Structure formats: structure tokens, C-alpha cells
Amino acid sequence: RIAELRLQKLRAGPDEDDIAIAKANGRAARAAAAHGFIAALPAGYDSLLGPRDGGAAIAARAYDRLKVALAAVALGAAETALQLGVSFAVERKQFGIAIAHKQAMQNYIADVHADIEALRHTLYYAAWLVDTGRDFSHAAALAKYLGARVAKDAANKMLQVHGGYGFSDEYTISRVYRDVRALRILGGTDEVQRVQIAGEVLRQAGVQIGM
């Protein structure tokens, strides 16, 4: 069980903006991180969150849950990027014809849509493992790694659909393009996820890789 906190021991810290993921309506949804500080709080072994010396395992499991959550953020960002790109391609006309009729634009849209659906199923599988109490560490790393890549690629290709307009703050895709870069760092960098993923694949092949 968790120690009961005495209010005089808890000191609130400043709110800090974390990451903004742009919505299709042009407004950004920001996640604010509120910090609290606890000083000189007495707590015995009967107040531990889990077994003694088990803090690392608890933290690792919480970190894995964060990866699944960030994969969901990545999915939403990629879907937003696709929606923005499709809307622009339909509305933007060149020589009297919407650029959605151009095969190059269709290729971008098809690529992003396929990647989004692959991410969706990977994410849903990881979430199912969490909900059913199964081990989800490997699936979480896969979802986080794939999510960051898909969101980055979706934003990049849909900005390409916008052309030069994509760099203007008047178009939401410019903010999405900037925001998704953070997904390759938050919750563990791409490099960390790759080490974990490769380690599990090699473990199944009988090779133990030290972390």
C-alpha cells in the first residue's frame, strides 16, 4: 500500500507544457505535467508500493505502459496528418483539377493509410495484452517504435502534399510535423526500443544479449 501523504509535506511545483499534438480543427491539445515535491515523509516497509527491492520491476512495468500510451498518441497524430493531407488534396486545385487526382498524391495517401492500419493493429494487440494481464513488454516496445516511425512518416508525406503551404503556421500540418518529432524521444528513444526488440528476437533464438 502507499503511504498516506500529509498535506504539509506536499509542495506543489509549476506546471510545465509537455507535448502538443495538433488537432484537425487547428487547435493543439497540450498535456501539462504537474510536479509535486515531498520532503521528509516518514514511510516504513509496510508502506511500500510493492515487495521490498521490487521497485525496478514496478518502474519498468509502468514504463512499458507509457510506451503503449505513446503509441496511441502516435496513432492519433498520424491519423490527423492523413486527414489534413486528404482534405488539402481534395480542396487544392491546379489547372482546374484537384491535386487528389495526381498519382503522386495518391501514393502518399496510400502509403500513410497502410502504415496507420499496421500501427493500429500492433497497438491494439499490445493494449489487449495489458488488459488481459499478459506480458506486454516486447509488444509495448514494438508499438512505441512503430508508432514513432509511422507518425513521423505520415507528417512528412502529408506536409509534402501541402507543398510550400505546409511550412506555414496557418496550416495545422506544420505543427503536427514539429510535434511528432518528440515521439522518437519520449518514453525511450528509437535506439532503445530497437535494442529491446532485437534482444527479445535473439533471446528466442537462444542468444542472450546483455542490456
N, C-alpha and C. Protein backbone atom coordinates (compact mmCIF):
# COMPACT_ATOMS: atom_id res chain seq x y z
N ARG A 1 0.85 -1.20 0.00
CA ARG A 1 0.00 0.00 0.00
C ARG A 1 0.88 1.24 0.00
N ILE A 2 0.31 2.34 -0.39
CA ILE A 2 1.05 3.59 -0.50
C ILE A 2 0.91 4.38 0.80
N ALA A 3 1.99 5.03 1.18
CA ALA A 3 1.97 5.83 2.40
C ALA A 3 0.95 6.95 2.28
N GLU A 4 0.25 7.23 3.38
CA GLU A 4 -0.67 8.36 3.40
C GLU A 4 0.15 9.65 3.45
N LEU A 5 -0.17 10.55 2.56
CA LEU A 5 0.58 11.81 2.47
C LEU A 5 -0.05 12.86 3.38
N ARG A 6 0.77 13.48 4.17
CA ARG A 6 0.31 14.61 4.97
C ARG A 6 0.43 15.87 4.12
N LEU A 7 -0.62 16.66 4.12
CA LEU A 7 -0.66 17.82 3.23
C LEU A 7 0.50 18.78 3.46
N GLN A 8 0.94 18.89 4.72
CA GLN A 8 2.04 19.82 4.98
C GLN A 8 3.35 19.33 4.39
N LYS A 9 3.42 18.06 4.00
CA LYS A 9 4.64 17.52 3.42
C LYS A 9 4.66 17.66 1.90
N LEU A 10 3.52 17.99 1.33
CA LEU A 10 3.40 18.04 -0.13
C LEU A 10 3.47 19.48 -0.60
N ARG A 11 4.40 19.76 -1.48
CA ARG A 11 4.57 21.11 -2.03
C ARG A 11 4.38 21.04 -3.54
N ALA A 12 3.46 21.84 -4.05
CA ALA A 12 3.15 21.81 -5.48
C ALA A 12 4.22 22.55 -6.27
N GLY A 13 4.57 22.01 -7.41
CA GLY A 13 5.54 22.64 -8.29
C GLY A 13 4.84 23.28 -9.48
N PRO A 14 5.59 23.90 -10.36
CA PRO A 14 5.00 24.60 -11.50
C PRO A 14 4.51 23.61 -12.56
N ASP A 15 3.48 24.02 -13.29
CA ASP A 15 3.02 23.23 -14.43
C ASP A 15 3.96 23.47 -15.60
N GLU A 16 4.22 22.41 -16.34
CA GLU A 16 5.10 22.53 -17.50
C GLU A 16 4.43 21.89 -18.70
N ASP A 17 4.48 22.59 -19.84
CA ASP A 17 3.97 22.01 -21.06
C ASP A 17 4.84 20.85 -21.48
N ASP A 18 4.22 19.76 -21.91
CA ASP A 18 4.99 18.61 -22.32
C ASP A 18 5.03 18.55 -23.84
N ILE A 19 4.00 18.00 -24.46
CA ILE A 19 3.99 17.87 -25.92
C ILE A 19 2.64 18.28 -26.45
N ALA A 20 2.63 18.95 -27.56
CA ALA A 20 1.38 19.35 -28.19
C ALA A 20 1.17 18.53 -29.44
N ILE A 21 0.03 17.90 -29.52
CA ILE A 21 -0.34 17.17 -30.72
C ILE A 21 -1.50 17.91 -31.37
N ALA A 22 -1.27 18.42 -32.55
CA ALA A 22 -2.27 19.27 -33.20
C ALA A 22 -3.49 18.47 -33.63
N LYS A 23 -4.63 19.10 -33.48
CA LYS A 23 -5.87 18.50 -33.93
C LYS A 23 -6.23 19.06 -35.31
N ALA A 24 -7.15 18.38 -35.95
CA ALA A 24 -7.52 18.80 -37.31
C ALA A 24 -8.22 20.14 -37.32
N ASN A 25 -8.80 20.55 -36.18
CA ASN A 25 -9.53 21.82 -36.18
C ASN A 25 -8.61 23.01 -35.98
N GLY A 26 -7.30 22.77 -35.96
CA GLY A 26 -6.36 23.87 -35.89
C GLY A 26 -5.92 24.23 -34.49
N ARG A 27 -6.51 23.60 -33.49
CA ARG A 27 -6.10 23.87 -32.12
C ARG A 27 -5.22 22.72 -31.63
N ALA A 28 -4.33 23.02 -30.73
CA ALA A 28 -3.42 22.00 -30.23
C ALA A 28 -3.86 21.53 -28.85
N ALA A 29 -3.81 20.23 -28.64
CA ALA A 29 -4.11 19.67 -27.32
C ALA A 29 -2.80 19.48 -26.59
N ARG A 30 -2.66 20.16 -25.46
CA ARG A 30 -1.41 20.10 -24.72
C ARG A 30 -1.58 19.26 -23.46
N ALA A 31 -0.56 18.48 -23.16
CA ALA A 31 -0.53 17.71 -21.93
C ALA A 31 0.36 18.44 -20.95
N ALA A 32 -0.19 18.85 -19.84
CA ALA A 32 0.58 19.60 -18.85
C ALA A 32 1.05 18.65 -17.76
N ALA A 33 2.30 18.76 -17.41
CA ALA A 33 2.87 17.92 -16.36
C ALA A 33 2.93 18.73 -15.07
N ALA A 34 2.18 18.30 -14.07
CA ALA A 34 2.18 18.98 -12.78
C ALA A 34 3.15 18.24 -11.86
N HIS A 35 4.04 18.97 -11.24
CA HIS A 35 5.05 18.37 -10.39
C HIS A 35 4.71 18.62 -8.93
N GLY A 36 4.92 17.59 -8.11
CA GLY A 36 4.75 17.72 -6.67
C GLY A 36 6.02 17.30 -5.98
N PHE A 37 6.34 17.94 -4.86
CA PHE A 37 7.55 17.64 -4.13
C PHE A 37 7.19 17.21 -2.71
N ILE A 38 7.80 16.13 -2.27
CA ILE A 38 7.56 15.62 -0.93
C ILE A 38 8.87 15.63 -0.17
N ALA A 39 8.88 16.23 1.00
CA ALA A 39 10.11 16.32 1.79
C ALA A 39 9.90 15.71 3.17
N ALA A 40 10.87 14.89 3.60
CA ALA A 40 10.89 14.33 4.96
C ALA A 40 9.60 13.59 5.30
N LEU A 41 9.14 12.74 4.40
CA LEU A 41 7.93 11.96 4.66
C LEU A 41 8.32 10.61 5.23
N PRO A 42 7.98 10.33 6.48
CA PRO A 42 8.33 9.03 7.07
C PRO A 42 7.50 7.91 6.44
N ALA A 43 8.15 6.83 6.06
CA ALA A 43 7.46 5.69 5.45
C ALA A 43 8.21 4.41 5.81
N GLY A 44 7.49 3.45 6.36
CA GLY A 44 8.10 2.17 6.72
C GLY A 44 7.92 1.15 5.62
N TYR A 45 8.45 -0.05 5.83
CA TYR A 45 8.34 -1.10 4.83
C TYR A 45 6.89 -1.51 4.59
N ASP A 46 6.01 -1.26 5.57
CA ASP A 46 4.60 -1.60 5.38
C ASP A 46 3.90 -0.62 4.45
N SER A 47 4.61 0.43 4.04
CA SER A 47 4.02 1.43 3.15
C SER A 47 4.54 1.32 1.72
N LEU A 48 5.26 0.25 1.42
CA LEU A 48 5.84 0.09 0.09
C LEU A 48 4.74 -0.18 -0.94
N LEU A 49 4.98 0.29 -2.15
CA LEU A 49 4.04 0.08 -3.25
C LEU A 49 4.00 -1.38 -3.68
N GLY A 50 5.12 -2.07 -3.49
CA GLY A 50 5.22 -3.49 -3.86
C GLY A 50 6.21 -4.17 -2.93
N PRO A 51 6.73 -5.33 -3.32
CA PRO A 51 7.69 -6.05 -2.48
C PRO A 51 8.99 -5.26 -2.32
N ARG A 52 9.67 -5.49 -1.21
CA ARG A 52 10.94 -4.82 -0.96
C ARG A 52 11.94 -5.20 -2.06
N ASP A 53 12.69 -4.21 -2.52
CA ASP A 53 13.65 -4.36 -3.61
C ASP A 53 12.98 -4.66 -4.95
N GLY A 54 11.68 -4.42 -5.04
CA GLY A 54 10.97 -4.67 -6.29
C GLY A 54 10.66 -3.41 -7.07
N GLY A 55 11.27 -2.30 -6.68
CA GLY A 55 10.97 -1.03 -7.32
C GLY A 55 11.32 -0.99 -8.79
N ALA A 56 12.44 -1.63 -9.16
CA ALA A 56 12.87 -1.60 -10.57
C ALA A 56 11.84 -2.27 -11.47
N ALA A 57 11.30 -3.39 -11.02
CA ALA A 57 10.30 -4.11 -11.82
C ALA A 57 9.01 -3.29 -11.95
N ILE A 58 8.61 -2.64 -10.87
CA ILE A 58 7.41 -1.80 -10.91
C ILE A 58 7.60 -0.64 -11.87
N ALA A 59 8.78 0.00 -11.78
CA ALA A 59 9.06 1.13 -12.67
C ALA A 59 9.11 0.70 -14.13
N ALA A 60 9.70 -0.47 -14.39
CA ALA A 60 9.80 -0.97 -15.76
C ALA A 60 8.41 -1.24 -16.34
N ARG A 61 7.53 -1.80 -15.51
CA ARG A 61 6.17 -2.09 -15.99
C ARG A 61 5.41 -0.79 -16.27
N ALA A 62 5.60 0.20 -15.41
CA ALA A 62 4.96 1.49 -15.64
C ALA A 62 5.50 2.12 -16.93
N TYR A 63 6.79 1.95 -17.17
CA TYR A 63 7.42 2.49 -18.36
C TYR A 63 6.86 1.82 -19.61
N ASP A 64 6.61 0.52 -19.52
CA ASP A 64 6.03 -0.21 -20.65
C ASP A 64 4.62 0.31 -20.94
N ARG A 65 3.87 0.60 -19.89
CA ARG A 65 2.53 1.17 -20.09
C ARG A 65 2.61 2.53 -20.77
N LEU A 66 3.63 3.30 -20.41
CA LEU A 66 3.82 4.60 -21.06
C LEU A 66 4.08 4.43 -22.55
N LYS A 67 4.83 3.40 -22.92
CA LYS A 67 5.11 3.16 -24.34
C LYS A 67 3.83 2.88 -25.11
N VAL A 68 2.94 2.10 -24.52
CA VAL A 68 1.66 1.81 -25.18
C VAL A 68 0.85 3.10 -25.33
N ALA A 69 0.85 3.92 -24.29
CA ALA A 69 0.12 5.20 -24.36
C ALA A 69 0.69 6.11 -25.44
N LEU A 70 2.01 6.16 -25.54
CA LEU A 70 2.64 7.00 -26.56
C LEU A 70 2.39 6.46 -27.97
N ALA A 71 2.28 5.15 -28.09
CA ALA A 71 1.92 4.57 -29.39
C ALA A 71 0.52 5.02 -29.80
N ALA A 72 -0.37 5.14 -28.81
CA ALA A 72 -1.73 5.63 -29.10
C ALA A 72 -1.68 7.10 -29.52
N VAL A 73 -0.82 7.88 -28.88
CA VAL A 73 -0.63 9.28 -29.28
C VAL A 73 -0.14 9.34 -30.72
N ALA A 74 0.82 8.47 -31.04
CA ALA A 74 1.37 8.43 -32.40
C ALA A 74 0.30 8.08 -33.42
N LEU A 75 -0.57 7.14 -33.07
CA LEU A 75 -1.64 6.75 -33.98
C LEU A 75 -2.57 7.93 -34.24
N GLY A 76 -2.94 8.65 -33.18
CA GLY A 76 -3.80 9.82 -33.36
C GLY A 76 -3.14 10.90 -34.19
N ALA A 77 -1.84 11.10 -33.97
CA ALA A 77 -1.12 12.12 -34.74
C ALA A 77 -1.05 11.74 -36.22
N ALA A 78 -0.79 10.47 -36.49
CA ALA A 78 -0.71 10.01 -37.88
C ALA A 78 -2.07 10.12 -38.57
N GLU A 79 -3.13 9.78 -37.86
CA GLU A 79 -4.47 9.90 -38.44
C GLU A 79 -4.81 11.36 -38.72
N THR A 80 -4.41 12.25 -37.81
CA THR A 80 -4.64 13.68 -38.03
C THR A 80 -3.89 14.16 -39.26
N ALA A 81 -2.63 13.75 -39.38
CA ALA A 81 -1.84 14.15 -40.54
C ALA A 81 -2.49 13.69 -41.83
N LEU A 82 -2.97 12.44 -41.84
CA LEU A 82 -3.62 11.91 -43.05
C LEU A 82 -4.88 12.68 -43.38
N GLN A 83 -5.67 12.97 -42.36
CA GLN A 83 -6.90 13.73 -42.59
C GLN A 83 -6.60 15.10 -43.17
N LEU A 84 -5.58 15.75 -42.63
CA LEU A 84 -5.20 17.07 -43.13
C LEU A 84 -4.72 17.00 -44.58
N GLY A 85 -3.91 15.97 -44.87
CA GLY A 85 -3.40 15.83 -46.23
C GLY A 85 -4.49 15.54 -47.24
N VAL A 86 -5.41 14.65 -46.87
CA VAL A 86 -6.52 14.31 -47.77
C VAL A 86 -7.39 15.53 -48.03
N SER A 87 -7.71 16.27 -46.96
CA SER A 87 -8.55 17.46 -47.12
C SER A 87 -7.90 18.48 -48.04
N PHE A 88 -6.60 18.67 -47.86
CA PHE A 88 -5.90 19.64 -48.71
C PHE A 88 -5.87 19.17 -50.16
N ALA A 89 -5.61 17.87 -50.36
CA ALA A 89 -5.53 17.34 -51.73
C ALA A 89 -6.86 17.46 -52.46
N VAL A 90 -7.95 17.36 -51.72
CA VAL A 90 -9.27 17.48 -52.34
C VAL A 90 -9.59 18.94 -52.66
N GLU A 91 -9.18 19.84 -51.77
CA GLU A 91 -9.53 21.25 -51.94
C GLU A 91 -8.57 22.00 -52.87
N ARG A 92 -7.32 21.62 -52.86
CA ARG A 92 -6.31 22.34 -53.65
C ARG A 92 -6.41 21.96 -55.13
N LYS A 93 -6.51 22.95 -55.96
CA LYS A 93 -6.65 22.69 -57.40
C LYS A 93 -5.49 23.30 -58.17
N GLN A 94 -5.05 22.58 -59.16
CA GLN A 94 -4.04 23.06 -60.11
C GLN A 94 -4.58 22.85 -61.51
N PHE A 95 -4.58 23.91 -62.28
CA PHE A 95 -5.12 23.85 -63.65
C PHE A 95 -6.55 23.34 -63.66
N GLY A 96 -7.30 23.74 -62.61
CA GLY A 96 -8.71 23.40 -62.55
C GLY A 96 -9.03 22.02 -62.04
N ILE A 97 -8.02 21.26 -61.64
CA ILE A 97 -8.24 19.88 -61.19
C ILE A 97 -7.64 19.71 -59.79
N ALA A 98 -8.37 19.07 -58.88
CA ALA A 98 -7.87 18.82 -57.53
C ALA A 98 -6.61 17.95 -57.60
N ILE A 99 -5.62 18.28 -56.78
CA ILE A 99 -4.37 17.51 -56.82
C ILE A 99 -4.57 16.08 -56.32
N ALA A 100 -5.74 15.80 -55.73
CA ALA A 100 -6.05 14.43 -55.31
C ALA A 100 -6.07 13.48 -56.51
N HIS A 101 -6.25 14.02 -57.71
CA HIS A 101 -6.27 13.19 -58.92
C HIS A 101 -4.86 12.81 -59.38
N LYS A 102 -3.86 13.43 -58.81
CA LYS A 102 -2.48 13.13 -59.22
C LYS A 102 -1.99 11.85 -58.53
N GLN A 103 -1.36 10.98 -59.30
CA GLN A 103 -0.93 9.69 -58.75
C GLN A 103 0.09 9.85 -57.64
N ALA A 104 0.94 10.86 -57.73
CA ALA A 104 1.93 11.08 -56.68
C ALA A 104 1.26 11.32 -55.34
N MET A 105 0.19 12.12 -55.33
CA MET A 105 -0.55 12.39 -54.10
C MET A 105 -1.24 11.12 -53.60
N GLN A 106 -1.78 10.34 -54.53
CA GLN A 106 -2.45 9.10 -54.16
C GLN A 106 -1.47 8.10 -53.55
N ASN A 107 -0.24 8.09 -54.06
CA ASN A 107 0.78 7.20 -53.50
C ASN A 107 1.08 7.55 -52.05
N TYR A 108 1.23 8.85 -51.78
CA TYR A 108 1.48 9.30 -50.41
C TYR A 108 0.33 8.86 -49.49
N ILE A 109 -0.87 9.09 -49.94
CA ILE A 109 -2.06 8.77 -49.13
C ILE A 109 -2.14 7.27 -48.87
N ALA A 110 -1.90 6.48 -49.90
CA ALA A 110 -1.96 5.02 -49.75
C ALA A 110 -0.89 4.52 -48.78
N ASP A 111 0.32 5.04 -48.91
CA ASP A 111 1.41 4.63 -48.02
C ASP A 111 1.08 4.92 -46.57
N VAL A 112 0.62 6.13 -46.31
CA VAL A 112 0.33 6.53 -44.94
C VAL A 112 -0.84 5.73 -44.37
N HIS A 113 -1.87 5.53 -45.19
CA HIS A 113 -3.03 4.76 -44.71
C HIS A 113 -2.62 3.33 -44.34
N ALA A 114 -1.80 2.69 -45.17
CA ALA A 114 -1.34 1.33 -44.89
C ALA A 114 -0.53 1.28 -43.60
N ASP A 115 0.35 2.27 -43.41
CA ASP A 115 1.17 2.31 -42.19
C ASP A 115 0.30 2.52 -40.95
N ILE A 116 -0.71 3.36 -41.07
CA ILE A 116 -1.60 3.62 -39.94
C ILE A 116 -2.34 2.35 -39.53
N GLU A 117 -2.83 1.60 -40.51
CA GLU A 117 -3.55 0.38 -40.17
C GLU A 117 -2.63 -0.66 -39.53
N ALA A 118 -1.38 -0.73 -39.98
CA ALA A 118 -0.41 -1.65 -39.37
C ALA A 118 -0.15 -1.24 -37.92
N LEU A 119 0.00 0.06 -37.69
CA LEU A 119 0.21 0.57 -36.34
C LEU A 119 -1.00 0.30 -35.47
N ARG A 120 -2.19 0.52 -36.01
CA ARG A 120 -3.41 0.31 -35.24
C ARG A 120 -3.48 -1.12 -34.69
N HIS A 121 -3.22 -2.09 -35.54
CA HIS A 121 -3.30 -3.49 -35.10
C HIS A 121 -2.19 -3.83 -34.11
N THR A 122 -1.00 -3.28 -34.31
CA THR A 122 0.10 -3.51 -33.38
C THR A 122 -0.23 -2.91 -32.01
N LEU A 123 -0.78 -1.71 -32.02
CA LEU A 123 -1.16 -1.04 -30.78
C LEU A 123 -2.29 -1.78 -30.07
N TYR A 124 -3.31 -2.17 -30.82
CA TYR A 124 -4.44 -2.86 -30.20
C TYR A 124 -4.00 -4.19 -29.59
N TYR A 125 -3.07 -4.86 -30.23
CA TYR A 125 -2.58 -6.13 -29.67
C TYR A 125 -1.84 -5.88 -28.35
N ALA A 126 -1.01 -4.84 -28.32
CA ALA A 126 -0.30 -4.51 -27.09
C ALA A 126 -1.29 -4.14 -25.99
N ALA A 127 -2.31 -3.36 -26.33
CA ALA A 127 -3.32 -2.96 -25.34
C ALA A 127 -4.10 -4.18 -24.84
N TRP A 128 -4.36 -5.13 -25.74
CA TRP A 128 -5.06 -6.36 -25.34
C TRP A 128 -4.22 -7.16 -24.35
N LEU A 129 -2.92 -7.22 -24.59
CA LEU A 129 -2.04 -7.91 -23.66
C LEU A 129 -2.07 -7.25 -22.28
N VAL A 130 -2.09 -5.92 -22.26
CA VAL A 130 -2.17 -5.20 -20.99
C VAL A 130 -3.47 -5.53 -20.28
N ASP A 131 -4.59 -5.46 -21.00
CA ASP A 131 -5.91 -5.66 -20.40
C ASP A 131 -6.10 -7.08 -19.88
N THR A 132 -5.46 -8.04 -20.51
CA THR A 132 -5.64 -9.45 -20.12
C THR A 132 -4.57 -9.93 -19.15
N GLY A 133 -3.70 -9.03 -18.71
CA GLY A 133 -2.72 -9.39 -17.70
C GLY A 133 -1.55 -10.21 -18.20
N ARG A 134 -1.33 -10.22 -19.50
CA ARG A 134 -0.20 -10.97 -20.07
C ARG A 134 1.04 -10.09 -20.13
N ASP A 135 2.18 -10.70 -20.39
CA ASP A 135 3.42 -9.94 -20.53
C ASP A 135 3.33 -9.10 -21.82
N PHE A 136 3.56 -7.81 -21.70
CA PHE A 136 3.40 -6.92 -22.86
C PHE A 136 4.64 -6.08 -23.12
N SER A 137 5.73 -6.38 -22.48
CA SER A 137 6.93 -5.55 -22.61
C SER A 137 7.42 -5.49 -24.06
N HIS A 138 7.52 -6.64 -24.72
CA HIS A 138 8.00 -6.67 -26.10
C HIS A 138 7.02 -5.97 -27.03
N ALA A 139 5.73 -6.25 -26.84
CA ALA A 139 4.70 -5.64 -27.68
C ALA A 139 4.66 -4.13 -27.49
N ALA A 140 4.92 -3.67 -26.27
CA ALA A 140 4.93 -2.24 -26.00
C ALA A 140 6.08 -1.56 -26.73
N ALA A 141 7.25 -2.19 -26.73
CA ALA A 141 8.40 -1.63 -27.43
C ALA A 141 8.13 -1.58 -28.94
N LEU A 142 7.52 -2.64 -29.46
CA LEU A 142 7.18 -2.68 -30.89
C LEU A 142 6.20 -1.56 -31.25
N ALA A 143 5.16 -1.41 -30.44
CA ALA A 143 4.15 -0.40 -30.71
C ALA A 143 4.73 1.01 -30.63
N LYS A 144 5.56 1.25 -29.63
CA LYS A 144 6.18 2.56 -29.46
C LYS A 144 7.12 2.88 -30.62
N TYR A 145 7.94 1.91 -30.99
CA TYR A 145 8.91 2.12 -32.07
C TYR A 145 8.19 2.35 -33.40
N LEU A 146 7.23 1.47 -33.70
CA LEU A 146 6.48 1.61 -34.94
C LEU A 146 5.67 2.89 -34.95
N GLY A 147 5.07 3.23 -33.81
CA GLY A 147 4.25 4.44 -33.73
C GLY A 147 5.04 5.70 -34.03
N ALA A 148 6.24 5.81 -33.47
CA ALA A 148 7.06 6.99 -33.70
C ALA A 148 7.44 7.10 -35.18
N ARG A 149 7.75 5.97 -35.80
CA ARG A 149 8.14 5.98 -37.21
C ARG A 149 6.95 6.33 -38.10
N VAL A 150 5.81 5.73 -37.82
CA VAL A 150 4.62 5.96 -38.65
C VAL A 150 4.18 7.42 -38.54
N ALA A 151 4.16 7.95 -37.33
CA ALA A 151 3.74 9.35 -37.14
C ALA A 151 4.68 10.30 -37.87
N LYS A 152 5.98 10.04 -37.77
CA LYS A 152 6.96 10.89 -38.45
C LYS A 152 6.77 10.83 -39.96
N ASP A 153 6.61 9.62 -40.50
CA ASP A 153 6.48 9.45 -41.94
C ASP A 153 5.17 10.04 -42.44
N ALA A 154 4.10 9.86 -41.65
CA ALA A 154 2.80 10.41 -42.05
C ALA A 154 2.85 11.93 -42.11
N ALA A 155 3.43 12.54 -41.09
CA ALA A 155 3.52 14.01 -41.07
C ALA A 155 4.39 14.50 -42.22
N ASN A 156 5.48 13.80 -42.50
CA ASN A 156 6.39 14.20 -43.57
C ASN A 156 5.70 14.13 -44.94
N LYS A 157 5.01 13.03 -45.20
CA LYS A 157 4.38 12.86 -46.51
C LYS A 157 3.17 13.77 -46.68
N MET A 158 2.42 13.99 -45.62
CA MET A 158 1.26 14.87 -45.75
C MET A 158 1.68 16.33 -45.82
N LEU A 159 2.83 16.68 -45.25
CA LEU A 159 3.38 18.01 -45.46
C LEU A 159 3.80 18.16 -46.92
N GLN A 160 4.33 17.09 -47.48
CA GLN A 160 4.71 17.11 -48.90
C GLN A 160 3.49 17.36 -49.78
N VAL A 161 2.36 16.79 -49.40
CA VAL A 161 1.13 17.03 -50.14
C VAL A 161 0.77 18.51 -50.11
N HIS A 162 1.01 19.16 -48.96
CA HIS A 162 0.70 20.58 -48.83
C HIS A 162 1.68 21.46 -49.62
N GLY A 163 2.83 20.92 -49.96
CA GLY A 163 3.83 21.73 -50.65
C GLY A 163 4.35 22.83 -49.73
N GLY A 164 4.63 23.99 -50.29
CA GLY A 164 5.16 25.10 -49.51
C GLY A 164 4.22 25.57 -48.42
N TYR A 165 2.91 25.37 -48.63
CA TYR A 165 1.94 25.77 -47.61
C TYR A 165 2.17 25.02 -46.30
N GLY A 166 2.75 23.84 -46.39
CA GLY A 166 2.93 23.01 -45.20
C GLY A 166 3.84 23.61 -44.16
N PHE A 167 4.67 24.59 -44.55
CA PHE A 167 5.57 25.23 -43.60
C PHE A 167 4.95 26.47 -42.97
N SER A 168 3.76 26.83 -43.38
CA SER A 168 3.09 28.00 -42.83
C SER A 168 2.31 27.61 -41.58
N ASP A 169 2.38 28.45 -40.55
CA ASP A 169 1.64 28.19 -39.32
C ASP A 169 0.14 28.28 -39.53
N GLU A 170 -0.28 28.79 -40.68
CA GLU A 170 -1.71 28.84 -40.98
C GLU A 170 -2.27 27.44 -41.22
N TYR A 171 -1.39 26.49 -41.50
CA TYR A 171 -1.82 25.12 -41.77
C TYR A 171 -1.35 24.22 -40.63
N THR A 172 -2.29 23.46 -40.09
CA THR A 172 -2.03 22.65 -38.90
C THR A 172 -0.94 21.61 -39.13
N ILE A 173 -0.75 21.18 -40.36
CA ILE A 173 0.23 20.14 -40.64
C ILE A 173 1.63 20.57 -40.22
N SER A 174 1.91 21.87 -40.24
CA SER A 174 3.24 22.34 -39.86
C SER A 174 3.50 22.05 -38.38
N ARG A 175 2.46 22.19 -37.55
CA ARG A 175 2.60 21.91 -36.12
C ARG A 175 2.69 20.41 -35.87
N VAL A 176 1.90 19.64 -36.59
CA VAL A 176 1.97 18.19 -36.45
C VAL A 176 3.37 17.69 -36.80
N TYR A 177 3.91 18.23 -37.87
CA TYR A 177 5.26 17.84 -38.33
C TYR A 177 6.30 18.09 -37.24
N ARG A 178 6.18 19.21 -36.54
CA ARG A 178 7.14 19.52 -35.47
C ARG A 178 6.90 18.66 -34.24
N ASP A 179 5.63 18.48 -33.89
CA ASP A 179 5.30 17.78 -32.65
C ASP A 179 5.69 16.31 -32.66
N VAL A 180 5.48 15.62 -33.78
CA VAL A 180 5.71 14.18 -33.80
C VAL A 180 7.18 13.82 -33.63
N ARG A 181 8.06 14.79 -33.83
CA ARG A 181 9.49 14.50 -33.64
C ARG A 181 9.77 14.07 -32.21
N ALA A 182 9.00 14.60 -31.26
CA ALA A 182 9.22 14.26 -29.86
C ALA A 182 8.92 12.80 -29.56
N LEU A 183 8.08 12.18 -30.37
CA LEU A 183 7.71 10.78 -30.12
C LEU A 183 8.88 9.82 -30.32
N ARG A 184 9.91 10.26 -30.99
CA ARG A 184 11.09 9.41 -31.18
C ARG A 184 12.04 9.51 -29.99
N ILE A 185 11.66 10.33 -29.00
CA ILE A 185 12.49 10.51 -27.81
C ILE A 185 11.72 10.14 -26.54
N LEU A 186 10.49 10.64 -26.41
CA LEU A 186 9.69 10.38 -25.21
C LEU A 186 9.47 8.89 -25.01
N GLY A 187 9.51 8.46 -23.77
CA GLY A 187 9.25 7.06 -23.46
C GLY A 187 10.36 6.12 -23.89
N GLY A 188 11.52 6.66 -24.18
CA GLY A 188 12.64 5.85 -24.67
C GLY A 188 12.87 6.11 -26.14
N THR A 189 14.10 6.41 -26.51
CA THR A 189 14.42 6.74 -27.90
C THR A 189 14.22 5.53 -28.82
N ASP A 190 14.19 5.81 -30.12
CA ASP A 190 14.09 4.72 -31.10
C ASP A 190 15.21 3.71 -30.90
N GLU A 191 16.40 4.20 -30.58
CA GLU A 191 17.55 3.30 -30.42
C GLU A 191 17.34 2.34 -29.25
N VAL A 192 16.75 2.84 -28.16
CA VAL A 192 16.48 1.99 -27.00
C VAL A 192 15.45 0.92 -27.36
N GLN A 193 14.41 1.30 -28.09
CA GLN A 193 13.39 0.33 -28.48
C GLN A 193 13.98 -0.75 -29.39
N ARG A 194 14.86 -0.34 -30.27
CA ARG A 194 15.47 -1.31 -31.20
C ARG A 194 16.33 -2.32 -30.45
N VAL A 195 17.05 -1.86 -29.44
CA VAL A 195 17.85 -2.77 -28.63
C VAL A 195 16.96 -3.78 -27.92
N GLN A 196 15.85 -3.30 -27.35
CA GLN A 196 14.94 -4.19 -26.64
C GLN A 196 14.28 -5.18 -27.59
N ILE A 197 13.85 -4.70 -28.75
CA ILE A 197 13.19 -5.57 -29.72
C ILE A 197 14.15 -6.64 -30.22
N ALA A 198 15.36 -6.22 -30.61
CA ALA A 198 16.35 -7.18 -31.11
C ALA A 198 16.74 -8.17 -30.02
N GLY A 199 16.83 -7.69 -28.77
CA GLY A 199 17.18 -8.57 -27.67
C GLY A 199 16.17 -9.69 -27.49
N GLU A 200 14.88 -9.36 -27.63
CA GLU A 200 13.84 -10.39 -27.48
C GLU A 200 13.87 -11.37 -28.65
N VAL A 201 14.06 -10.87 -29.86
CA VAL A 201 14.13 -11.75 -31.03
C VAL A 201 15.31 -12.71 -30.89
N LEU A 202 16.46 -12.19 -30.48
CA LEU A 202 17.65 -13.04 -30.32
C LEU A 202 17.50 -13.99 -29.14
N ARG A 203 16.81 -13.56 -28.09
CA ARG A 203 16.58 -14.46 -26.95
C ARG A 203 15.79 -15.68 -27.38
N GLN A 204 14.79 -15.46 -28.24
CA GLN A 204 14.00 -16.59 -28.75
C GLN A 204 14.84 -17.52 -29.63
N ALA A 205 15.96 -16.97 -30.17
CA ALA A 205 16.86 -17.78 -30.97
C ALA A 205 17.97 -18.41 -30.13
N GLY A 206 17.89 -18.22 -28.82
CA GLY A 206 18.86 -18.83 -27.92
C GLY A 206 20.08 -17.98 -27.63
N VAL A 207 20.05 -16.71 -27.99
CA VAL A 207 21.18 -15.81 -27.74
C VAL A 207 20.75 -14.77 -26.73
N GLN A 208 21.46 -14.69 -25.61
CA GLN A 208 21.14 -13.73 -24.57
C GLN A 208 22.01 -12.49 -24.73
N ILE A 209 21.37 -11.36 -24.95
CA ILE A 209 22.09 -10.10 -25.13
C ILE A 209 22.00 -9.29 -23.85
N GLY A 210 23.13 -8.84 -23.35
CA GLY A 210 23.15 -8.03 -22.13
C GLY A 210 22.64 -6.64 -22.40
N MET A 211 21.85 -6.11 -21.49
CA MET A 211 21.28 -4.76 -21.62
C MET A 211 22.13 -3.79 -20.80
